[in-house]
């Protein structure tokens, strides 16, 4: 059996993060408003090395989504909605109830839409709204002359929260604890 696009993305994600986080896959939980059963791809908790470098000591979720072709704007919006619903959920890790502080998407939406500027503009608009709902993106930093070994980063809309490259960590001022309810000013 060959791996699907989403399976390959999950493998890639695991390679990026295994050294930096406690990782729990396919975690069951329940949506707190509707009591529906939910399953998130990953729940993560930072290692001591990350927290010593400024990463908040919080649980967070990651949902992985493969975009096989350009222009899947309906799939994009459902992906964001799925992540937002997991922010409003509680999951079980061992015997502990865990509520993610935020949920990140990890996808190939940029590579699937590199020729479709209008689709990327719609995606960026969705990310602006998603950040208010505590949904961000986990991205790979590709190897380059500046980052020879690559790395990873977490962003909410266009605001960087944390970046890891070759054992170097950078925490920015983004406030992941802020909750937007009602008037979001």
Protein backbone atom coordinates (compact mmCIF):
# COMPACT_ATOMS: atom_id res chain seq x y z
CA UNK A 1 0.00 0.00 0.00
CA UNK A 2 1.41 3.40 -0.94
CA UNK A 3 1.25 6.39 1.36
CA UNK A 4 -1.28 9.12 0.58
CA UNK A 5 -0.33 12.78 0.26
CA UNK A 6 -1.60 13.41 3.79
CA UNK A 7 0.34 10.43 5.17
CA UNK A 8 3.52 11.77 3.56
CA UNK A 9 2.88 15.21 5.07
CA UNK A 10 2.41 13.64 8.51
CA UNK A 11 5.72 11.80 8.15
CA UNK A 12 7.44 15.04 7.12
CA UNK A 13 5.88 16.85 10.08
CA UNK A 14 7.10 14.16 12.52
CA UNK A 15 10.65 14.44 11.16
CA UNK A 16 10.56 18.21 11.73
CA UNK A 17 9.36 18.12 15.34
CA UNK A 18 10.26 14.84 17.04
CA UNK A 19 13.30 16.28 18.85
CA UNK A 20 11.51 19.38 20.14
CA UNK A 21 8.15 18.16 21.42
CA UNK A 22 6.34 15.39 23.23
CA UNK A 23 4.09 14.12 20.46
CA UNK A 24 0.76 12.31 20.70
CA UNK A 25 -0.90 11.22 17.44
CA UNK A 26 -4.57 10.68 16.58
CA UNK A 27 -5.86 11.93 19.92
CA UNK A 28 -9.55 11.56 20.69
CA UNK A 29 -11.53 14.24 22.45
CA UNK A 30 -14.82 16.07 22.54
CA UNK A 31 -15.99 19.44 21.34
CA UNK A 32 -16.92 21.45 24.43
CA UNK A 33 -19.94 23.22 22.94
CA UNK A 34 -21.56 20.42 20.94
CA UNK A 35 -20.17 17.36 22.80
CA UNK A 36 -19.23 15.80 19.45
CA UNK A 37 -16.37 13.30 19.34
CA UNK A 38 -13.30 14.71 17.59
CA UNK A 39 -9.89 13.30 16.64
CA UNK A 40 -6.93 15.64 16.13
CA UNK A 41 -3.87 14.55 14.17
CA UNK A 42 -1.35 15.63 16.83
CA UNK A 43 -1.20 17.09 20.33
CA UNK A 44 2.18 18.48 21.33
CA UNK A 45 3.92 19.75 24.44
CA UNK A 46 7.31 21.53 24.25
CA UNK A 47 10.49 19.97 25.61
CA UNK A 48 12.45 21.67 28.38
CA UNK A 49 14.97 22.92 25.80
CA UNK A 50 12.20 24.83 24.01
CA UNK A 51 10.65 26.26 27.17
CA UNK A 52 14.09 27.43 28.34
CA UNK A 53 14.26 29.34 25.06
CA UNK A 54 10.89 31.05 25.51
CA UNK A 55 8.33 28.61 24.12
CA UNK A 56 5.25 28.77 26.35
CA UNK A 57 4.59 25.66 28.49
CA UNK A 58 1.28 24.86 26.82
CA UNK A 59 -0.33 22.00 24.98
CA UNK A 60 -1.27 22.72 21.38
CA UNK A 61 -2.69 20.83 18.45
CA UNK A 62 -1.66 20.32 14.84
CA UNK A 63 -3.92 19.24 12.00
CA UNK A 64 -2.35 18.11 8.72
CA UNK A 65 -4.06 18.62 5.37
CA UNK A 66 -2.96 17.73 1.83
CA UNK A 67 -4.06 19.96 -1.05
CA UNK A 68 -3.63 17.96 -4.23
CA UNK A 69 -4.64 20.62 -6.72
CA UNK A 70 -4.84 24.41 -6.91
CA UNK A 71 -7.93 26.41 -6.09
CA UNK A 72 -9.48 24.24 -3.40
CA UNK A 73 -10.78 27.28 -1.53
CA UNK A 74 -13.67 25.35 0.01
CA UNK A 75 -11.21 22.81 1.40
CA UNK A 76 -9.06 25.69 2.68
CA UNK A 77 -11.93 27.22 4.65
CA UNK A 78 -13.02 23.82 6.04
CA UNK A 79 -9.40 23.21 7.14
CA UNK A 80 -9.37 26.49 9.08
CA UNK A 81 -12.80 25.69 10.58
CA UNK A 82 -11.60 22.23 11.60
CA UNK A 83 -8.58 23.74 13.39
CA UNK A 84 -10.79 26.35 15.11
CA UNK A 85 -13.17 23.63 16.34
CA UNK A 86 -10.22 21.81 17.95
CA UNK A 87 -9.34 24.97 19.90
CA UNK A 88 -12.84 24.61 21.40
CA UNK A 89 -12.24 20.95 22.31
CA UNK A 90 -10.75 18.91 25.12
CA UNK A 91 -8.59 15.84 24.49
CA UNK A 92 -7.45 12.94 26.62
CA UNK A 93 -3.72 12.21 26.98
CA UNK A 94 -3.28 9.26 29.30
CA UNK A 95 -5.74 10.06 32.06
CA UNK A 96 -5.31 13.81 31.71
CA UNK A 97 -7.78 16.17 30.04
CA UNK A 98 -5.94 18.58 27.75
CA UNK A 99 -7.30 21.74 26.16
CA UNK A 100 -5.01 23.08 23.41
CA UNK A 101 -3.91 26.70 23.82
CA UNK A 102 -3.95 26.98 20.03
CA UNK A 103 -4.12 24.75 16.97
CA UNK A 104 -1.82 24.91 13.97
CA UNK A 105 -2.33 23.74 10.44
CA UNK A 106 0.45 21.98 8.55
CA UNK A 107 -0.22 21.67 4.83
CA UNK A 108 1.06 21.97 1.30
CA UNK A 109 -1.43 24.70 0.40
CA UNK A 110 1.33 27.09 -0.79
CA UNK A 111 3.00 24.58 -3.11
CA UNK A 112 -0.38 23.42 -4.47
CA UNK A 113 -1.33 27.03 -5.30
CA UNK A 114 2.00 28.58 -6.31
CA UNK A 115 0.63 29.46 -9.76
CA UNK A 116 -2.71 30.77 -8.50
CA UNK A 117 -2.14 34.15 -6.88
CA UNK A 118 -5.88 34.70 -6.37
CA UNK A 119 -6.12 31.47 -4.35
CA UNK A 120 -3.16 32.42 -2.19
CA UNK A 121 -4.71 35.82 -1.54
CA UNK A 122 -7.90 34.11 -0.37
CA UNK A 123 -5.81 31.79 1.83
CA UNK A 124 -3.98 34.73 3.42
CA UNK A 125 -7.32 36.39 4.15
CA UNK A 126 -8.52 33.22 5.86
CA UNK A 127 -5.35 33.14 7.96
CA UNK A 128 -5.98 36.69 9.20
CA UNK A 129 -9.36 35.64 10.55
CA UNK A 130 -7.99 32.30 11.81
CA UNK A 131 -5.39 34.04 13.99
CA UNK A 132 -8.22 35.68 15.96
CA UNK A 133 -9.54 32.17 16.62
CA UNK A 134 -6.15 30.94 17.95
CA UNK A 135 -5.36 29.10 14.70
CA UNK A 136 -1.96 29.46 13.09
CA UNK A 137 0.37 27.62 10.74
CA UNK A 138 3.34 25.36 11.35
CA UNK A 139 5.79 25.59 8.44
CA UNK A 140 9.05 24.06 7.37
CA UNK A 141 12.00 26.40 6.85
CA UNK A 142 13.70 25.01 3.77
CA UNK A 143 17.48 24.67 3.80
CA UNK A 144 19.21 27.71 2.31
CA UNK A 145 22.51 29.54 2.61
CA UNK A 146 21.10 31.35 5.65
CA UNK A 147 19.57 28.20 7.19
CA UNK A 148 21.77 25.33 5.93
CA UNK A 149 19.89 22.68 7.92
CA UNK A 150 16.45 24.25 7.60
CA UNK A 151 14.07 24.19 10.53
CA UNK A 152 10.51 25.08 11.43
CA UNK A 153 8.39 28.07 12.44
CA UNK A 154 5.01 28.86 13.95
CA UNK A 155 3.08 31.86 12.67
CA UNK A 156 -0.32 33.37 13.36
CA UNK A 157 -1.34 35.21 10.19
CA UNK A 158 1.85 37.12 9.39
CA UNK A 159 3.11 37.25 12.99
CA UNK A 160 5.94 34.93 13.94
CA UNK A 161 5.60 33.23 17.33
CA UNK A 162 8.59 30.86 17.38
CA UNK A 163 11.33 29.63 15.07
CA UNK A 164 13.82 26.75 15.38
CA UNK A 165 16.83 26.40 13.11
CA UNK A 166 19.84 24.12 13.71
CA UNK A 167 19.54 24.19 17.48
CA UNK A 168 18.90 27.92 17.55
CA UNK A 169 15.59 29.11 18.90
CA UNK A 170 13.88 32.46 18.51
CA UNK A 171 10.76 33.53 20.41
CA UNK A 172 8.95 36.62 19.16
CA UNK A 173 6.51 38.83 21.06
CA UNK A 174 3.30 37.27 19.74
CA UNK A 175 0.91 36.75 22.67
CA UNK A 176 -0.54 33.25 22.35
CA UNK A 177 -2.49 33.70 25.59
CA UNK A 178 -4.73 36.45 24.21
CA UNK A 179 -8.35 35.35 23.86
CA UNK A 180 -10.64 37.09 21.39
CA UNK A 181 -14.28 36.97 22.45
CA UNK A 182 -16.87 39.49 21.36
CA UNK A 183 -15.21 42.74 20.22
CA UNK A 184 -11.74 41.63 19.06
CA UNK A 185 -9.95 44.97 19.33
